[in-house]
Amino acid sequence: MKRTFMEFPAFSRLVKAGKISDNQVRLLQLDIMAGGGSAIEGTGGIKKIRCGTKGGGKSGGWRVLFADYVDCRLTFLIWAFPKGGQDSLTGAQKKIIRQIKQDIDREVKR
């Protein structure tokens, strides 16, 4: 099944800076299309999925936040953070991510 992936600027900057390679993004997309990712409590349905580092595995790599609209075949790659830099989202970050999800929901449902 085809799917359209859209990147938020915060995610695109990491790719352009070479922190996440194009190949890693392709693998990430395949994982998402296979049903990967788990919901983050308190974010309105945003999911996170592991993404490997250059030359490394997923366990110490990036955590990518995404909004997935399977029925519309549309996925938004929102943001990523290194696992070593932060274990989980703060309450303030969850609030911002939840608002982003609500904004996306409104646009997708149009």
PDB file of N, CA and C in Angstrom:
ATOM      1  N   MET A   1       0.843  -1.178   0.000  1.00  0.00           N
ATOM      2  CA  MET A   1       0.000   0.000   0.000  1.00  0.00           C
ATOM      3  C   MET A   1       0.891   1.246   0.000  1.00  0.00           C
ATOM      4  N   LYS A   2       0.550   2.185  -0.828  1.00  0.00           N
ATOM      5  CA  LYS A   2       1.298   3.440  -0.881  1.00  0.00           C
ATOM      6  C   LYS A   2       0.924   4.326   0.297  1.00  0.00           C
ATOM      7  N   ARG A   3       1.852   5.162   0.670  1.00  0.00           N
ATOM      8  CA  ARG A   3       1.612   6.106   1.757  1.00  0.00           C
ATOM      9  C   ARG A   3       2.410   7.367   1.458  1.00  0.00           C
ATOM     10  N   THR A   4       1.850   8.505   1.807  1.00  0.00           N
ATOM     11  CA  THR A   4       2.564   9.773   1.673  1.00  0.00           C
ATOM     12  C   THR A   4       3.140  10.141   3.030  1.00  0.00           C
ATOM     13  N   PHE A   5       4.427  10.447   3.036  1.00  0.00           N
ATOM     14  CA  PHE A   5       5.102  10.884   4.252  1.00  0.00           C
ATOM     15  C   PHE A   5       5.430  12.365   4.108  1.00  0.00           C
ATOM     16  N   MET A   6       5.044  13.131   5.105  1.00  0.00           N
ATOM     17  CA  MET A   6       5.341  14.560   5.123  1.00  0.00           C
ATOM     18  C   MET A   6       6.211  14.839   6.340  1.00  0.00           C
ATOM     19  N   GLU A   7       7.243  15.662   6.137  1.00  0.00           N
ATOM     20  CA  GLU A   7       8.164  15.986   7.220  1.00  0.00           C
ATOM     21  C   GLU A   7       7.930  17.404   7.724  1.00  0.00           C
ATOM     22  N   PHE A   8       7.824  17.540   9.029  1.00  0.00           N
ATOM     23  CA  PHE A   8       7.803  18.858   9.641  1.00  0.00           C
ATOM     24  C   PHE A   8       9.230  19.423   9.570  1.00  0.00           C
ATOM     25  N   PRO A   9       9.377  20.736   9.573  1.00  0.00           N
ATOM     26  CA  PRO A   9      10.709  21.346   9.492  1.00  0.00           C
ATOM     27  C   PRO A   9      11.685  20.838  10.554  1.00  0.00           C
ATOM     28  N   ALA A  10      11.207  20.595  11.767  1.00  0.00           N
ATOM     29  CA  ALA A  10      12.092  20.128  12.841  1.00  0.00           C
ATOM     30  C   ALA A  10      12.712  18.772  12.491  1.00  0.00           C
ATOM     31  N   PHE A  11      11.952  17.923  11.842  1.00  0.00           N
ATOM     32  CA  PHE A  11      12.476  16.621  11.413  1.00  0.00           C
ATOM     33  C   PHE A  11      13.391  16.785  10.200  1.00  0.00           C
ATOM     34  N   SER A  12      12.960  17.579   9.234  1.00  0.00           N
ATOM     35  CA  SER A  12      13.754  17.794   8.015  1.00  0.00           C
ATOM     36  C   SER A  12      15.130  18.366   8.320  1.00  0.00           C
ATOM     37  N   ARG A  13      15.210  19.230   9.312  1.00  0.00           N
ATOM     38  CA  ARG A  13      16.505  19.817   9.681  1.00  0.00           C
ATOM     39  C   ARG A  13      17.497  18.749  10.123  1.00  0.00           C
ATOM     40  N   LEU A  14      17.017  17.742  10.835  1.00  0.00           N
ATOM     41  CA  LEU A  14      17.903  16.657  11.282  1.00  0.00           C
ATOM     42  C   LEU A  14      18.418  15.856  10.090  1.00  0.00           C
ATOM     43  N   VAL A  15      17.554  15.645   9.101  1.00  0.00           N
ATOM     44  CA  VAL A  15      17.958  14.909   7.899  1.00  0.00           C
ATOM     45  C   VAL A  15      18.957  15.741   7.098  1.00  0.00           C
ATOM     46  N   LYS A  16      18.642  17.016   6.906  1.00  0.00           N
ATOM     47  CA  LYS A  16      19.540  17.887   6.136  1.00  0.00           C
ATOM     48  C   LYS A  16      20.897  18.036   6.812  1.00  0.00           C
ATOM     49  N   ALA A  17      20.919  17.999   8.132  1.00  0.00           N
ATOM     50  CA  ALA A  17      22.174  18.116   8.880  1.00  0.00           C
ATOM     51  C   ALA A  17      22.961  16.801   8.891  1.00  0.00           C
ATOM     52  N   GLY A  18      22.373  15.743   8.341  1.00  0.00           N
ATOM     53  CA  GLY A  18      23.053  14.456   8.286  1.00  0.00           C
ATOM     54  C   GLY A  18      22.967  13.644   9.558  1.00  0.00           C
ATOM     55  N   LYS A  19      22.155  14.075  10.508  1.00  0.00           N
ATOM     56  CA  LYS A  19      22.019  13.332  11.765  1.00  0.00           C
ATOM     57  C   LYS A  19      21.183  12.074  11.575  1.00  0.00           C
ATOM     58  N   ILE A  20      20.232  12.133  10.638  1.00  0.00           N
ATOM     59  CA  ILE A  20      19.439  10.972  10.233  1.00  0.00           C
ATOM     60  C   ILE A  20      19.608  10.874   8.720  1.00  0.00           C
ATOM     61  N   SER A  21      20.104   9.732   8.240  1.00  0.00           N
ATOM     62  CA  SER A  21      20.389   9.592   6.814  1.00  0.00           C
ATOM     63  C   SER A  21      19.106   9.314   6.018  1.00  0.00           C
ATOM     64  N   ASP A  22      19.187   9.535   4.716  1.00  0.00           N
ATOM     65  CA  ASP A  22      18.057   9.223   3.834  1.00  0.00           C
ATOM     66  C   ASP A  22      17.698   7.749   3.917  1.00  0.00           C
ATOM     67  N   ASN A  23      18.714   6.891   4.020  1.00  0.00           N
ATOM     68  CA  ASN A  23      18.456   5.462   4.137  1.00  0.00           C
ATOM     69  C   ASN A  23      17.728   5.147   5.439  1.00  0.00           C
ATOM     70  N   GLN A  24      18.121   5.803   6.516  1.00  0.00           N
ATOM     71  CA  GLN A  24      17.433   5.594   7.792  1.00  0.00           C
ATOM     72  C   GLN A  24      15.976   6.034   7.689  1.00  0.00           C
ATOM     73  N   VAL A  25      15.716   7.120   6.970  1.00  0.00           N
ATOM     74  CA  VAL A  25      14.339   7.589   6.787  1.00  0.00           C
ATOM     75  C   VAL A  25      13.545   6.548   6.008  1.00  0.00           C
ATOM     76  N   ARG A  26      14.137   5.959   4.967  1.00  0.00           N
ATOM     77  CA  ARG A  26      13.443   4.923   4.197  1.00  0.00           C
ATOM     78  C   ARG A  26      13.102   3.722   5.083  1.00  0.00           C
ATOM     79  N   LEU A  27      14.072   3.296   5.901  1.00  0.00           N
ATOM     80  CA  LEU A  27      13.818   2.169   6.811  1.00  0.00           C
ATOM     81  C   LEU A  27      12.736   2.519   7.827  1.00  0.00           C
ATOM     82  N   LEU A  28      12.772   3.741   8.315  1.00  0.00           N
ATOM     83  CA  LEU A  28      11.763   4.227   9.249  1.00  0.00           C
ATOM     84  C   LEU A  28      10.369   4.172   8.608  1.00  0.00           C
ATOM     85  N   GLN A  29      10.275   4.628   7.373  1.00  0.00           N
ATOM     86  CA  GLN A  29       8.998   4.602   6.662  1.00  0.00           C
ATOM     87  C   GLN A  29       8.477   3.179   6.513  1.00  0.00           C
ATOM     88  N   LEU A  30       9.363   2.251   6.182  1.00  0.00           N
ATOM     89  CA  LEU A  30       8.957   0.846   6.072  1.00  0.00           C
ATOM     90  C   LEU A  30       8.447   0.320   7.408  1.00  0.00           C
ATOM     91  N   ASP A  31       9.139   0.655   8.496  1.00  0.00           N
ATOM     92  CA  ASP A  31       8.701   0.226   9.834  1.00  0.00           C
ATOM     93  C   ASP A  31       7.312   0.778  10.160  1.00  0.00           C
ATOM     94  N   ILE A  32       7.081   2.039   9.822  1.00  0.00           N
ATOM     95  CA  ILE A  32       5.779   2.658  10.093  1.00  0.00           C
ATOM     96  C   ILE A  32       4.687   1.981   9.266  1.00  0.00           C
ATOM     97  N   MET A  33       4.971   1.739   7.990  1.00  0.00           N
ATOM     98  CA  MET A  33       3.971   1.092   7.125  1.00  0.00           C
ATOM     99  C   MET A  33       3.663  -0.334   7.579  1.00  0.00           C
ATOM    100  N   ALA A  34       4.618  -0.960   8.271  1.00  0.00           N
ATOM    101  CA  ALA A  34       4.404  -2.310   8.798  1.00  0.00           C
ATOM    102  C   ALA A  34       3.670  -2.294  10.138  1.00  0.00           C
ATOM    103  N   GLY A  35       3.286  -1.093  10.595  1.00  0.00           N
ATOM    104  CA  GLY A  35       2.528  -0.986  11.841  1.00  0.00           C
ATOM    105  C   GLY A  35       3.366  -0.669  13.057  1.00  0.00           C
ATOM    106  N   GLY A  36       4.627  -0.317  12.859  1.00  0.00           N
ATOM    107  CA  GLY A  36       5.508  -0.007  13.980  1.00  0.00           C
ATOM    108  C   GLY A  36       5.140   1.286  14.683  1.00  0.00           C
ATOM    109  N   GLY A  37       5.642   1.424  15.870  1.00  0.00           N
ATOM    110  CA  GLY A  37       5.403   2.618  16.666  1.00  0.00           C
ATOM    111  C   GLY A  37       4.439   2.359  17.797  1.00  0.00           C
ATOM    112  N   SER A  38       4.572   3.158  18.841  1.00  0.00           N
ATOM    113  CA  SER A  38       3.659   3.031  19.982  1.00  0.00           C
ATOM    114  C   SER A  38       3.180   4.416  20.387  1.00  0.00           C
ATOM    115  N   ALA A  39       1.927   4.480  20.825  1.00  0.00           N
ATOM    116  CA  ALA A  39       1.321   5.756  21.216  1.00  0.00           C
ATOM    117  C   ALA A  39       1.991   6.303  22.476  1.00  0.00           C
ATOM    118  N   ILE A  40       2.118   7.622  22.498  1.00  0.00           N
ATOM    119  CA  ILE A  40       2.672   8.301  23.666  1.00  0.00           C
ATOM    120  C   ILE A  40       1.509   8.886  24.456  1.00  0.00           C
ATOM    121  N   GLU A  41       1.361   8.457  25.677  1.00  0.00           N
ATOM    122  CA  GLU A  41       0.268   8.926  26.528  1.00  0.00           C
ATOM    123  C   GLU A  41       0.311  10.449  26.681  1.00  0.00           C
ATOM    124  N   GLY A  42      -0.860  11.065  26.589  1.00  0.00           N
ATOM    125  CA  GLY A  42      -0.974  12.496  26.812  1.00  0.00           C
ATOM    126  C   GLY A  42      -0.667  13.367  25.608  1.00  0.00           C
ATOM    127  N   THR A  43      -0.562  12.750  24.416  1.00  0.00           N
ATOM    128  CA  THR A  43      -0.237  13.523  23.219  1.00  0.00           C
ATOM    129  C   THR A  43      -1.348  13.544  22.183  1.00  0.00           C
ATOM    130  N   GLY A  44      -2.471  12.929  22.482  1.00  0.00           N
ATOM    131  CA  GLY A  44      -3.578  12.932  21.536  1.00  0.00           C
ATOM    132  C   GLY A  44      -3.440  11.945  20.398  1.00  0.00           C
ATOM    133  N   GLY A  45      -2.534  10.989  20.531  1.00  0.00           N
ATOM    134  CA  GLY A  45      -2.398   9.963  19.503  1.00  0.00           C
ATOM    135  C   GLY A  45      -1.079   9.980  18.752  1.00  0.00           C
ATOM    136  N   ILE A  46      -0.166  10.837  19.136  1.00  0.00           N
ATOM    137  CA  ILE A  46       1.159  10.839  18.521  1.00  0.00           C
ATOM    138  C   ILE A  46       1.863   9.534  18.900  1.00  0.00           C
ATOM    139  N   LYS A  47       2.589   8.984  17.949  1.00  0.00           N
ATOM    140  CA  LYS A  47       3.339   7.754  18.197  1.00  0.00           C
ATOM    141  C   LYS A  47       4.831   8.027  18.139  1.00  0.00           C
ATOM    142  N   LYS A  48       5.584   7.110  18.730  1.00  0.00           N
ATOM    143  CA  LYS A  48       7.040   7.181  18.626  1.00  0.00           C
ATOM    144  C   LYS A  48       7.546   5.850  18.101  1.00  0.00           C
ATOM    145  N   ILE A  49       8.663   5.944  17.398  1.00  0.00           N
ATOM    146  CA  ILE A  49       9.285   4.745  16.848  1.00  0.00           C
ATOM    147  C   ILE A  49      10.791   4.953  16.884  1.00  0.00           C
ATOM    148  N   ARG A  50      11.516   3.878  17.016  1.00  0.00           N
ATOM    149  CA  ARG A  50      12.975   3.957  17.051  1.00  0.00           C
ATOM    150  C   ARG A  50      13.537   4.069  15.639  1.00  0.00           C
ATOM    151  N   CYS A  51      14.606   4.818  15.538  1.00  0.00           N
ATOM    152  CA  CYS A  51      15.323   4.984  14.277  1.00  0.00           C
ATOM    153  C   CYS A  51      16.805   4.861  14.594  1.00  0.00           C
ATOM    154  N   GLY A  52      17.518   4.053  13.843  1.00  0.00           N
ATOM    155  CA  GLY A  52      18.933   3.835  14.104  1.00  0.00           C
ATOM    156  C   GLY A  52      19.792   5.063  13.846  1.00  0.00           C
ATOM    157  N   THR A  53      20.996   5.004  14.366  1.00  0.00           N
ATOM    158  CA  THR A  53      21.979   6.058  14.127  1.00  0.00           C
ATOM    159  C   THR A  53      22.871   5.631  12.976  1.00  0.00           C
ATOM    160  N   LYS A  54      23.609   6.560  12.426  1.00  0.00           N
ATOM    161  CA  LYS A  54      24.567   6.212  11.370  1.00  0.00           C
ATOM    162  C   LYS A  54      25.578   5.228  11.936  1.00  0.00           C
ATOM    163  N   GLY A  55      25.641   4.059  11.314  1.00  0.00           N
ATOM    164  CA  GLY A  55      26.599   3.056  11.751  1.00  0.00           C
ATOM    165  C   GLY A  55      26.225   2.361  13.043  1.00  0.00           C
ATOM    166  N   GLY A  56      25.014   2.610  13.549  1.00  0.00           N
ATOM    167  CA  GLY A  56      24.597   1.999  14.806  1.00  0.00           C
ATOM    168  C   GLY A  56      23.198   1.424  14.715  1.00  0.00           C
ATOM    169  N   GLY A  57      22.767   0.866  15.800  1.00  0.00           N
ATOM    170  CA  GLY A  57      21.451   0.256  15.841  1.00  0.00           C
ATOM    171  C   GLY A  57      20.383   1.199  16.358  1.00  0.00           C
ATOM    172  N   LYS A  58      19.187   0.631  16.504  1.00  0.00           N
ATOM    173  CA  LYS A  58      18.035   1.429  16.942  1.00  0.00           C
ATOM    174  C   LYS A  58      18.036   1.710  18.437  1.00  0.00           C
ATOM    175  N   SER A  59      18.587   0.794  19.236  1.00  0.00           N
ATOM    176  CA  SER A  59      18.443   0.926  20.690  1.00  0.00           C
ATOM    177  C   SER A  59      19.074   2.207  21.236  1.00  0.00           C
ATOM    178  N   GLY A  60      20.152   2.658  20.651  1.00  0.00           N
ATOM    179  CA  GLY A  60      20.788   3.887  21.119  1.00  0.00           C
ATOM    180  C   GLY A  60      20.566   5.053  20.191  1.00  0.00           C
ATOM    181  N   GLY A  61      19.679   4.880  19.243  1.00  0.00           N
ATOM    182  CA  GLY A  61      19.483   5.892  18.201  1.00  0.00           C
ATOM    183  C   GLY A  61      18.461   6.954  18.547  1.00  0.00           C
ATOM    184  N   TRP A  62      17.692   7.314  17.546  1.00  0.00           N
ATOM    185  CA  TRP A  62      16.708   8.393  17.641  1.00  0.00           C
ATOM    186  C   TRP A  62      15.327   7.855  17.970  1.00  0.00           C
ATOM    187  N   ARG A  63      14.534   8.689  18.622  1.00  0.00           N
ATOM    188  CA  ARG A  63      13.107   8.431  18.819  1.00  0.00           C
ATOM    189  C   ARG A  63      12.378   9.426  17.926  1.00  0.00           C
ATOM    190  N   VAL A  64      11.622   8.924  16.979  1.00  0.00           N
ATOM    191  CA  VAL A  64      10.922   9.771  16.012  1.00  0.00           C
ATOM    192  C   VAL A  64       9.451   9.832  16.389  1.00  0.00           C
ATOM    193  N   LEU A  65       8.922  11.045  16.470  1.00  0.00           N
ATOM    194  CA  LEU A  65       7.504  11.254  16.760  1.00  0.00           C
ATOM    195  C   LEU A  65       6.773  11.446  15.449  1.00  0.00           C
ATOM    196  N   PHE A  66       5.616  10.770  15.328  1.00  0.00           N
ATOM    197  CA  PHE A  66       4.858  10.871  14.089  1.00  0.00           C
ATOM    198  C   PHE A  66       3.361  10.773  14.340  1.00  0.00           C
ATOM    199  N   ALA A  67       2.619  11.352  13.412  1.00  0.00           N
ATOM    200  CA  ALA A  67       1.158  11.243  13.419  1.00  0.00           C
ATOM    201  C   ALA A  67       0.784  10.413  12.207  1.00  0.00           C
ATOM    202  N   ASP A  68       0.042   9.353  12.429  1.00  0.00           N
ATOM    203  CA  ASP A  68      -0.270   8.403  11.366  1.00  0.00           C
ATOM    204  C   ASP A  68      -1.766   8.377  11.085  1.00  0.00           C
ATOM    205  N   TYR A  69      -2.117   8.564   9.833  1.00  0.00           N
ATOM    206  CA  TYR A  69      -3.505   8.539   9.389  1.00  0.00           C
ATOM    207  C   TYR A  69      -3.624   7.444   8.337  1.00  0.00           C
ATOM    208  N   VAL A  70      -3.748   6.203   8.803  1.00  0.00           N
ATOM    209  CA  VAL A  70      -3.725   5.028   7.937  1.00  0.00           C
ATOM    210  C   VAL A  70      -4.831   5.100   6.887  1.00  0.00           C
ATOM    211  N   ASP A  71      -6.050   5.476   7.279  1.00  0.00           N
ATOM    212  CA  ASP A  71      -7.165   5.528   6.337  1.00  0.00           C
ATOM    213  C   ASP A  71      -6.918   6.517   5.202  1.00  0.00           C
ATOM    214  N   CYS A  72      -6.173   7.560   5.479  1.00  0.00           N
ATOM    215  CA  CYS A  72      -5.851   8.579   4.466  1.00  0.00           C
ATOM    216  C   CYS A  72      -4.513   8.291   3.775  1.00  0.00           C
ATOM    217  N   ARG A  73      -3.820   7.236   4.239  1.00  0.00           N
ATOM    218  CA  ARG A  73      -2.489   6.897   3.727  1.00  0.00           C
ATOM    219  C   ARG A  73      -1.522   8.071   3.840  1.00  0.00           C
ATOM    220  N   LEU A  74      -1.521   8.663   5.015  1.00  0.00           N
ATOM    221  CA  LEU A  74      -0.752   9.877   5.260  1.00  0.00           C
ATOM    222  C   LEU A  74      -0.065   9.789   6.621  1.00  0.00           C
ATOM    223  N   THR A  75       1.231  10.090   6.648  1.00  0.00           N
ATOM    224  CA  THR A  75       2.003  10.078   7.889  1.00  0.00           C
ATOM    225  C   THR A  75       2.839  11.348   7.968  1.00  0.00           C
ATOM    226  N   PHE A  76       2.809  11.983   9.129  1.00  0.00           N
ATOM    227  CA  PHE A  76       3.593  13.193   9.381  1.00  0.00           C
ATOM    228  C   PHE A  76       4.740  12.848  10.314  1.00  0.00           C
ATOM    229  N   LEU A  77       5.972  13.046   9.853  1.00  0.00           N
ATOM    230  CA  LEU A  77       7.157  12.880  10.691  1.00  0.00           C
ATOM    231  C   LEU A  77       7.405  14.228  11.344  1.00  0.00           C
ATOM    232  N   ILE A  78       7.216  14.297  12.653  1.00  0.00           N
ATOM    233  CA  ILE A  78       7.154  15.581  13.348  1.00  0.00           C
ATOM    234  C   ILE A  78       8.495  16.018  13.927  1.00  0.00           C
ATOM    235  N   TRP A  79       9.118  15.154  14.694  1.00  0.00           N
ATOM    236  CA  TRP A  79      10.310  15.547  15.435  1.00  0.00           C
ATOM    237  C   TRP A  79      11.059  14.298  15.844  1.00  0.00           C
ATOM    238  N   ALA A  80      12.334  14.419  16.145  1.00  0.00           N
ATOM    239  CA  ALA A  80      13.122  13.294  16.646  1.00  0.00           C
ATOM    240  C   ALA A  80      14.081  13.792  17.715  1.00  0.00           C
ATOM    241  N   PHE A  81      14.357  12.921  18.661  1.00  0.00           N
ATOM    242  CA  PHE A  81      15.337  13.254  19.691  1.00  0.00           C
ATOM    243  C   PHE A  81      16.184  12.019  19.970  1.00  0.00           C
ATOM    244  N   PRO A  82      17.478  12.229  20.277  1.00  0.00           N
ATOM    245  CA  PRO A  82      18.347  11.080  20.552  1.00  0.00           C
ATOM    246  C   PRO A  82      17.992  10.453  21.891  1.00  0.00           C
ATOM    247  N   LYS A  83      17.995   9.130  21.921  1.00  0.00           N
ATOM    248  CA  LYS A  83      17.641   8.435  23.151  1.00  0.00           C
ATOM    249  C   LYS A  83      18.566   8.835  24.296  1.00  0.00           C
ATOM    250  N   GLY A  84      19.837   8.987  24.012  1.00  0.00           N
ATOM    251  CA  GLY A  84      20.793   9.355  25.055  1.00  0.00           C
ATOM    252  C   GLY A  84      20.576  10.754  25.596  1.00  0.00           C
ATOM    253  N   GLY A  85      19.918  11.614  24.817  1.00  0.00           N
ATOM    254  CA  GLY A  85      19.719  12.995  25.237  1.00  0.00           C
ATOM    255  C   GLY A  85      18.483  13.200  26.086  1.00  0.00           C
ATOM    256  N   GLN A  86      17.495  12.322  25.935  1.00  0.00           N
ATOM    257  CA  GLN A  86      16.231  12.495  26.646  1.00  0.00           C
ATOM    258  C   GLN A  86      15.496  11.165  26.647  1.00  0.00           C
ATOM    259  N   ASP A  87      15.046  10.714  27.816  1.00  0.00           N
ATOM    260  CA  ASP A  87      14.351   9.432  27.902  1.00  0.00           C
ATOM    261  C   ASP A  87      12.898   9.520  27.464  1.00  0.00           C
ATOM    262  N   SER A  88      12.225  10.576  27.867  1.00  0.00           N
ATOM    263  CA  SER A  88      10.811  10.727  27.525  1.00  0.00           C
ATOM    264  C   SER A  88      10.474  12.211  27.417  1.00  0.00           C
ATOM    265  N   LEU A  89       9.285  12.489  26.916  1.00  0.00           N
ATOM    266  CA  LEU A  89       8.849  13.876  26.752  1.00  0.00           C
ATOM    267  C   LEU A  89       8.455  14.485  28.093  1.00  0.00           C
ATOM    268  N   THR A  90       8.742  15.751  28.251  1.00  0.00           N
ATOM    269  CA  THR A  90       8.304  16.475  29.445  1.00  0.00           C
ATOM    270  C   THR A  90       6.818  16.803  29.292  1.00  0.00           C
ATOM    271  N   GLY A  91       6.199  17.217  30.371  1.00  0.00           N
ATOM    272  CA  GLY A  91       4.796  17.629  30.307  1.00  0.00           C
ATOM    273  C   GLY A  91       4.588  18.782  29.341  1.00  0.00           C
ATOM    274  N   ALA A  92       5.495  19.740  29.349  1.00  0.00           N
ATOM    275  CA  ALA A  92       5.389  20.889  28.435  1.00  0.00           C
ATOM    276  C   ALA A  92       5.521  20.446  26.984  1.00  0.00           C
ATOM    277  N   GLN A  93       6.441  19.518  26.706  1.00  0.00           N
ATOM    278  CA  GLN A  93       6.590  19.017  25.345  1.00  0.00           C
ATOM    279  C   GLN A  93       5.344  18.256  24.894  1.00  0.00           C
ATOM    280  N   LYS A  94       4.770  17.463  25.803  1.00  0.00           N
ATOM    281  CA  LYS A  94       3.543  16.736  25.469  1.00  0.00           C
ATOM    282  C   LYS A  94       2.406  17.697  25.123  1.00  0.00           C
ATOM    283  N   LYS A  95       2.328  18.777  25.843  1.00  0.00           N
ATOM    284  CA  LYS A  95       1.285  19.770  25.585  1.00  0.00           C
ATOM    285  C   LYS A  95       1.439  20.360  24.179  1.00  0.00           C
ATOM    286  N   ILE A  96       2.672  20.698  23.812  1.00  0.00           N
ATOM    287  CA  ILE A  96       2.931  21.252  22.481  1.00  0.00           C
ATOM    288  C   ILE A  96       2.624  20.211  21.401  1.00  0.00           C
ATOM    289  N   ILE A  97       3.082  18.986  21.603  1.00  0.00           N
ATOM    290  CA  ILE A  97       2.854  17.908  20.634  1.00  0.00           C
ATOM    291  C   ILE A  97       1.362  17.623  20.494  1.00  0.00           C
ATOM    292  N   ARG A  98       0.635  17.652  21.612  1.00  0.00           N
ATOM    293  CA  ARG A  98      -0.812  17.431  21.573  1.00  0.00           C
ATOM    294  C   ARG A  98      -1.498  18.503  20.730  1.00  0.00           C
ATOM    295  N   GLN A  99      -1.065  19.751  20.857  1.00  0.00           N
ATOM    296  CA  GLN A  99      -1.644  20.847  20.065  1.00  0.00           C
ATOM    297  C   GLN A  99      -1.320  20.662  18.575  1.00  0.00           C
ATOM    298  N   ILE A 100      -0.100  20.252  18.293  1.00  0.00           N
ATOM    299  CA  ILE A 100       0.269  19.976  16.902  1.00  0.00           C
ATOM    300  C   ILE A 100      -0.634  18.891  16.331  1.00  0.00           C
ATOM    301  N   LYS A 101      -0.859  17.835  17.102  1.00  0.00           N
ATOM    302  CA  LYS A 101      -1.727  16.731  16.646  1.00  0.00           C
ATOM    303  C   LYS A 101      -3.139  17.227  16.391  1.00  0.00           C
ATOM    304  N   GLN A 102      -3.661  18.068  17.258  1.00  0.00           N
ATOM    305  CA  GLN A 102      -5.007  18.616  17.059  1.00  0.00           C
ATOM    306  C   GLN A 102      -5.067  19.455  15.793  1.00  0.00           C
ATOM    307  N   ASP A 103      -4.024  20.233  15.531  1.00  0.00           N
ATOM    308  CA  ASP A 103      -3.969  21.044  14.308  1.00  0.00           C
ATOM    309  C   ASP A 103      -3.938  20.156  13.065  1.00  0.00           C
ATOM    310  N   ILE A 104      -3.135  19.103  13.110  1.00  0.00           N
ATOM    311  CA  ILE A 104      -3.073  18.175  11.979  1.00  0.00           C
ATOM    312  C   ILE A 104      -4.435  17.510  11.785  1.00  0.00           C
ATOM    313  N   ASP A 105      -5.042  17.060  12.878  1.00  0.00           N
ATOM    314  CA  ASP A 105      -6.362  16.417  12.798  1.00  0.00           C
ATOM    315  C   ASP A 105      -7.356  17.301  12.054  1.00  0.00           C
ATOM    316  N   ARG A 106      -7.384  18.569  12.400  1.00  0.00           N
ATOM    317  CA  ARG A 106      -8.329  19.497  11.753  1.00  0.00           C
ATOM    318  C   ARG A 106      -8.075  19.582  10.247  1.00  0.00           C
ATOM    319  N   GLU A 107      -6.820  19.641   9.863  1.00  0.00           N
ATOM    320  CA  GLU A 107      -6.487  19.753   8.430  1.00  0.00           C
ATOM    321  C   GLU A 107      -6.780  18.469   7.673  1.00  0.00           C
ATOM    322  N   VAL A 108      -6.483  17.326   8.270  1.00  0.00           N
ATOM    323  CA  VAL A 108      -6.693  16.043   7.602  1.00  0.00           C
ATOM    324  C   VAL A 108      -8.189  15.765   7.423  1.00  0.00           C
ATOM    325  N   LYS A 109      -8.999  16.193   8.369  1.00  0.00           N
ATOM    326  CA  LYS A 109     -10.437  15.917   8.315  1.00  0.00           C
ATOM    327  C   LYS A 109     -11.192  16.834   7.360  1.00  0.00           C
ATOM    328  N   ARG A 110     -10.514  17.828   6.796  1.00  0.00           N
ATOM    329  CA  ARG A 110     -11.179  18.744   5.850  1.00  0.00           C
ATOM    330  C   ARG A 110     -11.515  18.058   4.571  1.00  0.00           C
TER     331      ARG A 110
END
